[in-house]
Protein backbone atom coordinates (compact mmCIF):
# COMPACT_ATOMS: atom_id res chain seq x y z
CA MET A 1 -18.84 -25.41 -11.00
CA THR A 2 -20.38 -21.33 -11.29
CA TYR A 3 -18.26 -18.89 -9.07
CA ASP A 4 -19.72 -16.59 -6.95
CA LEU A 5 -16.40 -13.99 -8.36
CA LEU A 6 -13.56 -14.43 -10.47
CA ILE A 7 -10.92 -11.93 -9.33
CA ILE A 8 -7.99 -10.74 -10.85
CA GLY A 9 -5.15 -9.63 -9.39
CA GLY A 10 -2.90 -11.57 -6.51
CA GLY A 11 -1.62 -8.14 -4.59
CA ILE A 12 -3.12 -7.03 -1.47
CA ASN A 13 -6.32 -5.59 -2.78
CA GLY A 14 -7.69 -8.88 -4.55
CA ALA A 15 -6.45 -11.21 -1.41
CA SER A 16 -8.53 -8.93 1.05
CA ILE A 17 -11.50 -8.86 -1.13
CA ALA A 18 -10.88 -12.65 -1.55
CA ARG A 19 -10.71 -13.19 1.98
CA GLU A 20 -14.07 -11.09 2.41
CA ALA A 21 -15.97 -12.92 0.28
CA ALA A 22 -15.01 -16.15 1.34
CA LEU A 23 -15.49 -14.90 5.49
CA ASN A 24 -19.04 -14.48 3.59
CA GLY A 25 -19.75 -17.72 2.10
CA LEU A 26 -19.26 -17.20 -1.40
CA SER A 27 -17.22 -19.36 -3.92
CA VAL A 28 -13.99 -17.55 -4.63
CA LEU A 29 -11.40 -17.39 -7.89
CA LEU A 30 -8.62 -15.77 -7.42
CA VAL A 31 -5.80 -15.13 -10.65
CA GLU A 32 -2.86 -14.00 -10.48
CA LYS A 33 -0.24 -14.15 -13.50
CA ASP A 34 2.57 -14.19 -10.70
CA ASP A 35 2.96 -14.70 -7.79
CA LEU A 36 1.37 -12.92 -4.77
CA ALA A 37 2.14 -9.51 -3.73
CA ALA A 38 5.10 -10.19 -6.52
CA HIS A 39 4.46 -6.17 -7.62
CA THR A 40 3.27 -3.18 -6.06
CA SER A 41 2.15 -5.01 -2.63
CA SER A 42 5.87 -5.76 -2.15
CA ALA A 43 7.44 -2.81 -2.86
CA SER A 44 6.20 -0.05 -0.93
CA THR A 45 7.34 1.43 2.07
CA LYS A 46 6.35 -0.64 4.63
CA LEU A 47 4.07 1.65 6.55
CA ILE A 48 0.93 1.08 7.86
CA HIS A 49 -0.30 4.62 8.58
CA GLY A 50 -2.26 7.21 8.64
CA GLY A 51 -0.95 8.68 6.01
CA LEU A 52 0.50 11.82 8.08
CA ARG A 53 1.80 14.39 5.16
CA TYR A 54 -2.45 13.92 3.04
CA LEU A 55 -3.27 16.34 5.30
CA GLU A 56 -1.17 19.23 3.45
CA TYR A 57 -3.88 18.05 0.94
CA TYR A 58 -6.63 17.68 2.82
CA GLU A 59 -7.41 14.96 2.23
CA PHE A 60 -9.42 13.88 6.09
CA LYS A 61 -11.58 11.22 5.44
CA LEU A 62 -8.75 9.55 4.05
CA VAL A 63 -6.22 9.91 6.76
CA ARG A 64 -9.63 9.25 9.53
CA GLU A 65 -9.66 5.93 8.36
CA ALA A 66 -5.89 5.18 7.67
CA LEU A 67 -5.58 5.57 10.99
CA GLN A 68 -9.16 3.09 12.39
CA GLU A 69 -8.12 0.73 9.66
CA ARG A 70 -3.72 0.84 11.28
CA GLU A 71 -4.72 0.82 15.17
CA ARG A 72 -7.50 -2.47 13.77
CA LEU A 73 -4.24 -4.38 12.69
CA LEU A 74 -2.22 -3.47 15.02
CA ARG A 75 -4.08 -5.33 17.40
CA LEU A 76 -5.67 -7.49 15.18
CA ALA A 77 -2.14 -8.46 13.54
CA PRO A 78 0.76 -8.38 16.38
CA GLU A 79 2.82 -10.60 14.00
CA LEU A 80 2.71 -8.94 11.33
CA ILE A 81 2.27 -5.12 12.77
CA ARG A 82 4.91 -3.20 14.60
CA PRO A 83 4.63 -0.14 15.99
CA LEU A 84 6.62 2.52 14.69
CA ALA A 85 8.91 6.23 16.21
CA THR A 86 9.04 8.53 13.71
CA VAL A 87 11.59 11.38 13.51
CA LEU A 88 10.78 14.15 11.88
CA PRO A 89 13.26 16.88 11.55
CA HIS A 90 11.59 20.50 11.28
CA GLU A 91 13.72 21.77 8.27
CA ASN A 92 12.65 22.70 4.74
CA ALA A 93 9.77 22.78 6.54
CA VAL A 94 6.52 23.93 4.21
CA ARG A 95 4.96 25.30 7.37
CA PRO A 96 6.15 26.85 10.55
CA TRP A 97 6.61 24.96 13.55
CA TRP A 98 3.44 25.70 15.27
CA MET A 99 1.76 24.48 12.07
CA VAL A 100 3.33 21.08 12.24
CA ARG A 101 2.99 20.14 16.17
CA LEU A 102 -0.83 21.17 15.34
CA GLY A 103 -0.92 18.74 12.41
CA LEU A 104 0.23 16.14 14.32
CA ALA A 105 -2.14 16.91 17.10
CA ILE A 106 -5.28 16.09 14.77
CA TYR A 107 -3.52 13.10 13.70
CA ASP A 108 -2.61 12.18 16.92
CA ARG A 109 -6.80 12.64 17.59
CA LEU A 110 -8.14 11.96 13.82
CA GLY A 111 -8.40 8.71 14.39
CA GLY A 112 -10.27 7.73 17.59
CA ARG A 113 -8.23 6.43 20.49
CA ILE A 114 -5.40 5.04 19.89
CA SER A 115 -3.06 2.60 21.08
CA VAL A 116 0.57 4.44 20.01
CA PRO A 117 1.72 7.20 21.95
CA HIS A 118 0.82 10.28 21.29
CA SER A 119 3.30 12.48 19.51
CA ARG A 120 6.19 15.25 20.77
CA GLY A 121 9.00 17.52 20.37
CA LEU A 122 12.26 16.16 19.89
CA ARG A 123 14.10 16.27 23.33
CA ALA A 124 17.87 17.33 23.51
CA ASP A 125 17.95 14.18 25.73
CA ASP A 126 16.63 11.98 22.79
CA ALA A 127 20.01 10.61 21.84
CA ALA A 128 19.41 7.94 19.61
CA TYR A 129 17.17 10.18 17.31
CA GLN A 130 19.01 12.96 17.74
CA ALA A 131 22.86 10.66 17.45
CA PRO A 132 22.26 10.70 12.93
CA LEU A 133 21.53 14.45 12.86
CA ARG A 134 23.98 15.85 10.98
CA ARG A 135 21.97 19.13 13.07
CA LYS A 136 21.09 18.71 16.71
CA GLY A 137 17.48 20.73 17.23
CA ALA A 138 13.80 21.36 16.40
CA GLY A 139 11.86 18.43 15.12
CA PHE A 140 9.03 15.67 16.41
CA VAL A 141 8.96 12.18 17.13
CA TYR A 142 5.15 11.36 16.37
CA PHE A 143 4.28 6.91 15.61
CA ASP A 144 2.81 4.80 13.35
CA ALA A 145 3.45 0.95 12.57
CA ALA A 146 5.40 -0.69 9.81
CA THR A 147 4.79 -4.35 8.07
CA ASP A 148 6.58 -7.27 5.49
CA ASP A 149 4.37 -6.21 2.97
CA ALA A 150 4.38 -9.11 0.92
CA ALA A 151 3.97 -11.21 4.57
CA LEU A 152 1.34 -9.40 5.19
CA THR A 153 -0.45 -9.63 2.00
CA ARG A 154 0.31 -13.65 2.28
CA ALA A 155 -1.51 -13.90 5.21
CA ILE A 156 -4.50 -12.36 3.94
CA ALA A 157 -4.31 -14.50 0.43
CA ALA A 158 -3.80 -17.72 3.62
CA ASP A 159 -6.93 -16.90 5.43
CA ALA A 160 -8.63 -16.47 2.31
CA VAL A 161 -7.76 -20.02 1.11
CA ALA A 162 -8.92 -20.94 4.34
CA ASN A 163 -11.93 -20.30 4.47
CA GLY A 164 -12.70 -21.65 1.36
CA ALA A 165 -11.18 -19.09 -1.50
CA GLU A 166 -9.43 -20.78 -4.69
CA ILE A 167 -6.11 -19.07 -5.42
CA ALA A 168 -4.58 -20.21 -8.38
CA THR A 169 -1.43 -18.19 -8.94
CA GLN A 170 1.31 -18.24 -12.39
CA THR A 171 -1.98 -17.94 -13.76
CA GLU A 172 -4.17 -14.76 -16.16
CA LEU A 173 -7.19 -14.19 -17.93
CA VAL A 174 -6.61 -14.57 -21.54
CA SER A 175 -10.02 -13.37 -21.97
CA ALA A 176 -13.51 -13.50 -20.84
CA ARG A 177 -16.64 -12.37 -22.58
CA ARG A 178 -20.52 -11.77 -20.89
CA ASP A 179 -23.00 -14.54 -21.26
CA GLY A 180 -26.66 -14.12 -20.25
CA ASP A 181 -26.15 -13.30 -16.24
CA VAL A 182 -22.31 -14.46 -16.13
CA TRP A 183 -19.07 -13.57 -17.14
CA ARG A 184 -17.28 -17.40 -18.86
CA ALA A 185 -13.24 -16.77 -18.73
CA VAL A 186 -10.07 -18.15 -20.56
CA LEU A 187 -7.36 -18.70 -18.25
CA THR A 188 -3.20 -19.64 -19.52
CA GLY A 189 -3.52 -23.67 -19.89
CA GLY A 190 -7.07 -23.31 -21.56
CA ARG A 191 -8.69 -23.48 -17.74
CA GLU A 192 -12.75 -22.38 -18.78
CA VAL A 193 -14.14 -21.26 -16.05
CA VAL A 194 -17.27 -19.29 -15.14
CA SER A 195 -18.43 -16.23 -12.54
CA ARG A 196 -21.56 -14.11 -12.10
CA ILE A 197 -19.50 -10.81 -11.03
CA MET A 198 -16.11 -10.46 -12.06
CA VAL A 199 -13.37 -8.26 -9.84
CA ASN A 200 -10.50 -6.23 -11.54
CA ALA A 201 -8.00 -5.69 -8.85
CA ALA A 202 -4.64 -5.62 -11.19
CA GLY A 203 -3.91 -2.87 -10.07
CA PRO A 204 -1.07 -1.17 -12.61
CA TRP A 205 -2.64 -3.28 -15.30
CA VAL A 206 -6.05 -2.54 -14.60
CA GLY A 207 -7.29 -0.41 -17.23
CA GLU A 208 -4.98 -2.74 -19.08
CA MET A 209 -7.45 -5.31 -18.23
CA LEU A 210 -10.51 -3.16 -18.84
CA GLY A 211 -9.01 -2.81 -22.59
CA ARG A 212 -9.21 -6.73 -22.64
CA LEU A 213 -12.75 -6.86 -21.23
CA GLY A 214 -13.60 -4.64 -23.76
CA ILE A 215 -15.44 -1.86 -21.67
CA ASN A 216 -15.02 1.82 -21.51
CA THR A 217 -15.01 3.41 -17.64
CA ARG A 218 -15.25 7.02 -15.98
CA ALA A 219 -12.60 5.98 -14.06
CA HIS A 220 -8.65 6.12 -14.84
CA VAL A 221 -5.35 4.85 -13.77
CA ARG A 222 -2.50 7.12 -13.40
CA LEU A 223 0.83 5.29 -12.30
CA VAL A 224 3.34 6.30 -10.09
CA LYS A 225 6.97 4.86 -10.04
CA GLY A 226 8.64 4.69 -6.68
CA SER A 227 11.74 3.40 -5.67
CA HIS A 228 13.81 2.61 -2.94
CA ILE A 229 17.90 2.29 -1.68
CA THR A 230 18.53 -0.49 1.22
CA VAL A 231 22.59 1.23 2.20
CA PRO A 232 24.59 -0.13 5.51
CA ARG A 233 22.76 1.04 8.58
CA LEU A 234 23.19 4.60 9.24
CA TYR A 235 22.05 4.36 12.60
CA GLU A 236 21.16 2.33 15.37
CA GLY A 237 17.57 1.27 16.43
CA ASP A 238 14.50 0.73 15.45
CA HIS A 239 12.60 3.92 14.75
CA ALA A 240 12.40 5.73 11.38
CA TYR A 241 13.07 8.84 9.56
CA MET A 242 10.63 11.67 7.91
CA LEU A 243 12.98 13.70 5.57
CA GLN A 244 10.80 16.88 4.13
CA GLN A 245 13.40 17.28 0.85
CA PRO A 246 13.39 21.00 -0.24
CA ASP A 247 11.49 20.21 -3.56
CA LYS A 248 8.90 19.96 -0.57
CA ARG A 249 8.74 15.96 -1.41
CA ILE A 250 9.04 13.87 1.64
CA VAL A 251 11.59 10.24 1.98
CA PHE A 252 12.14 7.86 4.45
CA ALA A 253 15.05 6.07 5.71
CA PHE A 254 13.91 3.21 7.74
CA PRO A 255 15.42 -0.81 9.12
CA TRP A 256 15.41 -3.60 6.95
CA HIS A 257 16.66 -6.66 6.99
CA GLY A 258 19.82 -5.51 9.04
CA GLU A 259 19.86 -2.03 6.27
CA THR A 260 18.73 1.41 6.52
CA ALA A 261 16.35 1.48 3.42
CA ILE A 262 15.59 5.02 1.85
CA GLY A 263 12.08 5.78 -0.12
CA THR A 264 10.75 6.76 -2.01
CA THR A 265 10.58 8.02 -4.88
CA ASP A 266 7.20 9.66 -7.59
CA ILE A 267 8.46 9.12 -10.97
CA ALA A 268 5.35 9.13 -13.44
CA VAL A 269 5.68 6.01 -15.66
CA GLU A 270 3.34 5.13 -19.04
CA SER A 271 3.38 0.94 -18.19
CA PRO A 272 2.35 -0.44 -15.41
CA GLU A 273 5.75 -2.99 -14.98
CA ALA A 274 8.58 -1.39 -12.74
CA THR A 275 11.87 -0.67 -13.68
CA PRO A 276 14.84 -1.34 -12.00
CA ALA A 277 16.11 2.17 -9.57
CA ASP A 278 17.73 4.50 -11.82
CA THR A 279 20.67 5.68 -11.41
CA ASP A 280 18.56 9.95 -10.91
CA GLU A 281 16.27 8.10 -8.94
CA ILE A 282 19.60 6.61 -6.49
CA ALA A 283 21.23 9.91 -6.87
CA TYR A 284 18.35 11.94 -5.59
CA LEU A 285 17.85 9.24 -2.44
CA CYS A 286 21.42 9.11 -1.82
CA ALA A 287 20.79 13.60 -1.86
CA ALA A 288 18.16 12.83 0.38
CA VAL A 289 19.65 11.61 3.21
CA ASP A 290 22.89 13.19 2.96
CA ARG A 291 20.57 17.26 3.91
CA TYR A 292 20.32 15.14 7.08
CA PHE A 293 22.58 12.18 8.58
CA THR A 294 26.25 12.87 9.92
CA ARG A 295 26.93 9.67 7.73
CA SER A 296 27.19 9.88 3.95
CA ILE A 297 26.66 8.36 1.46
CA THR A 298 26.69 7.56 -2.52
CA PRO A 299 25.39 5.37 -4.57
CA GLY A 300 28.74 3.49 -4.19
CA ASP A 301 27.20 2.61 -1.03
CA VAL A 302 24.38 0.79 -2.09
CA THR A 303 23.72 -2.20 -1.70
CA GLY A 304 20.12 -3.40 -3.53
CA THR A 305 17.47 -1.37 -4.85
CA TRP A 306 13.38 -1.88 -5.46
CA SER A 307 10.69 -0.28 -7.42
CA GLY A 308 6.82 -0.94 -7.76
CA VAL A 309 4.25 1.33 -9.66
CA ARG A 310 1.26 2.34 -7.54
CA PRO A 311 -2.06 2.05 -9.93
CA LEU A 312 -3.48 5.96 -8.30
CA TYR A 313 -6.96 6.30 -8.80
CA ASP A 314 -6.54 10.00 -11.27
CA ASP A 315 -7.75 12.84 -9.75
CA GLY A 316 -6.08 15.52 -11.86
CA ALA A 317 -3.12 16.36 -9.56
CA SER A 318 -0.79 18.79 -11.26
CA GLU A 319 2.21 16.80 -9.47
CA ALA A 320 2.75 12.69 -8.22
CA LYS A 321 2.79 13.28 -5.34
CA ALA A 322 -0.47 15.09 -4.88
CA VAL A 323 -2.29 12.84 -6.67
CA THR A 324 -5.04 11.31 -4.27
CA ARG A 325 -4.46 7.29 -2.39
CA GLU A 326 -8.30 6.99 -2.25
CA TYR A 327 -9.02 4.22 -3.92
CA VAL A 328 -12.25 4.33 -6.16
CA LEU A 329 -14.26 0.95 -7.18
CA GLU A 330 -16.01 1.58 -10.07
CA LEU A 331 -19.02 -1.18 -10.83
CA ASP A 332 -20.49 -2.04 -14.37
CA GLU A 333 -23.63 -3.10 -14.59
CA SER A 334 -24.50 -3.42 -18.71
CA GLY A 335 -24.13 -7.60 -18.09
CA PRO A 336 -23.38 -9.52 -14.85
CA PRO A 337 -21.66 -6.91 -13.01
CA LEU A 338 -17.93 -6.01 -13.51
CA LEU A 339 -15.90 -4.52 -11.01
CA SER A 340 -12.70 -2.46 -11.15
CA VAL A 341 -10.30 -1.19 -8.21
CA PHE A 342 -8.48 2.05 -8.62
CA GLY A 343 -6.31 3.55 -6.89
CA GLY A 344 -5.64 2.33 -2.92
CA LYS A 345 -3.24 1.00 -0.16
CA ILE A 346 -1.71 -0.92 1.97
CA THR A 347 -3.69 0.24 5.01
CA THR A 348 -6.58 0.83 4.24
CA ALA A 349 -6.93 -2.77 1.55
CA ARG A 350 -9.08 -4.55 4.43
CA ARG A 351 -11.38 -1.73 4.24
CA LEU A 352 -11.37 -1.29 0.46
CA GLY A 353 -12.27 -5.39 0.83
CA GLU A 354 -15.18 -4.90 2.28
CA ASP A 355 -16.32 -1.79 0.71
CA VAL A 356 -15.80 -4.00 -2.58
CA LEU A 357 -18.69 -6.47 -1.08
CA GLY A 358 -20.81 -3.90 0.20
CA LYS A 359 -20.90 -2.12 -3.01
CA LEU A 360 -21.31 -5.56 -5.10
CA GLY A 361 -25.17 -6.16 -2.62
CA TYR A 362 -23.20 -8.19 0.35
CA PRO A 363 -22.57 -6.05 3.00
CA SER A 364 -20.14 -7.89 5.10
CA THR A 365 -18.01 -6.89 8.46
CA LYS A 366 -16.57 -10.61 8.64
CA THR A 367 -12.95 -9.09 8.78
CA ARG A 368 -13.53 -5.90 11.48
CA ASP A 369 -12.67 -7.88 14.28
CA ARG A 370 -11.38 -10.91 13.21
CA PRO A 371 -7.66 -12.15 13.90
CA LEU A 372 -4.91 -12.36 11.50
CA HIS A 373 -2.08 -14.51 11.42
CA PRO A 374 0.74 -15.01 9.45
CA ALA A 375 0.50 -17.04 6.65
CA PRO A 376 1.71 -21.60 7.12
CA GLU A 377 5.18 -21.82 6.17
CA GLY A 378 5.50 -23.40 2.86
CA PHE A 379 2.15 -21.85 1.91
CA ALA A 380 1.99 -21.50 -1.64
CA PRO A 381 -1.39 -21.26 -4.07
């Protein structure tokens, strides 16, 4: 058969595109060289959020759309997404108290009507929020949401499969060429497939894939490694902390499988392959927590780590922390279409899938009001 779409990459972006396309009646084949969410899409800070800190870089459009998607996911996927109270102590602050308060008020309203509580000042009677902190006092409480990123990716993929998409994991694109009005691709194992359109959603490998296909591109990807550590639980409760650092970065501390997870770092890298958290990253994250919490931690307390490489769209920013988290879709129509995805974030993956279909000439809003449930037990395409 000839597929309508051949999608390269089984992260959350590829899965979201497959889901939107399948619900739109297109025949879809998604191939992933490892397992679903094996790389970046299982190595995030597990947040479904608008990106409060992006306001610092005037990314109002990105924040607004992300907040709208956060609300949509809270409504449509309550088994996968939960509200998350986040404590923001007012220390090492880049902006004065009143300006942070104004930023939070904008954050509360930028996405329209919200179901989570509005932000507020940290109060003296907020015992659970104040107890772990070295310095009690000024700060804020605001609300976002949290998820298991890998489980969310699998749920999206399962809905795609339930609606006709074919997903082949442990399957890599070996080569592909344009032949008239179709793509002819060779996959591992010698399988040959034909597709009218190819979508390059290979995440950190998006540039490498373009090179393999012999395609020149105006857009480029910037690879940024982010690492997290886990330590025995530092505090009671289901809330998180957003910790501003002297270098103007932020680090989150949040509950994760009975422990406290801490991250992330931002390290520019050249390779899309994630390497384990190194000693400097671990020391940085331990120090980030020690500035705020009464319980001191050392590298010896670390029970586990995870690292991922984020494929950010290269907007020319001088520092990794300032690189935009907006996605860019580049369409090459010098033959049968090739659409490449640069950047993106978990929160806006559904919106990205919708935008991809629109850019390919198949306007679709099928997922805007479609409930999303966890993948069936044992789901493994």
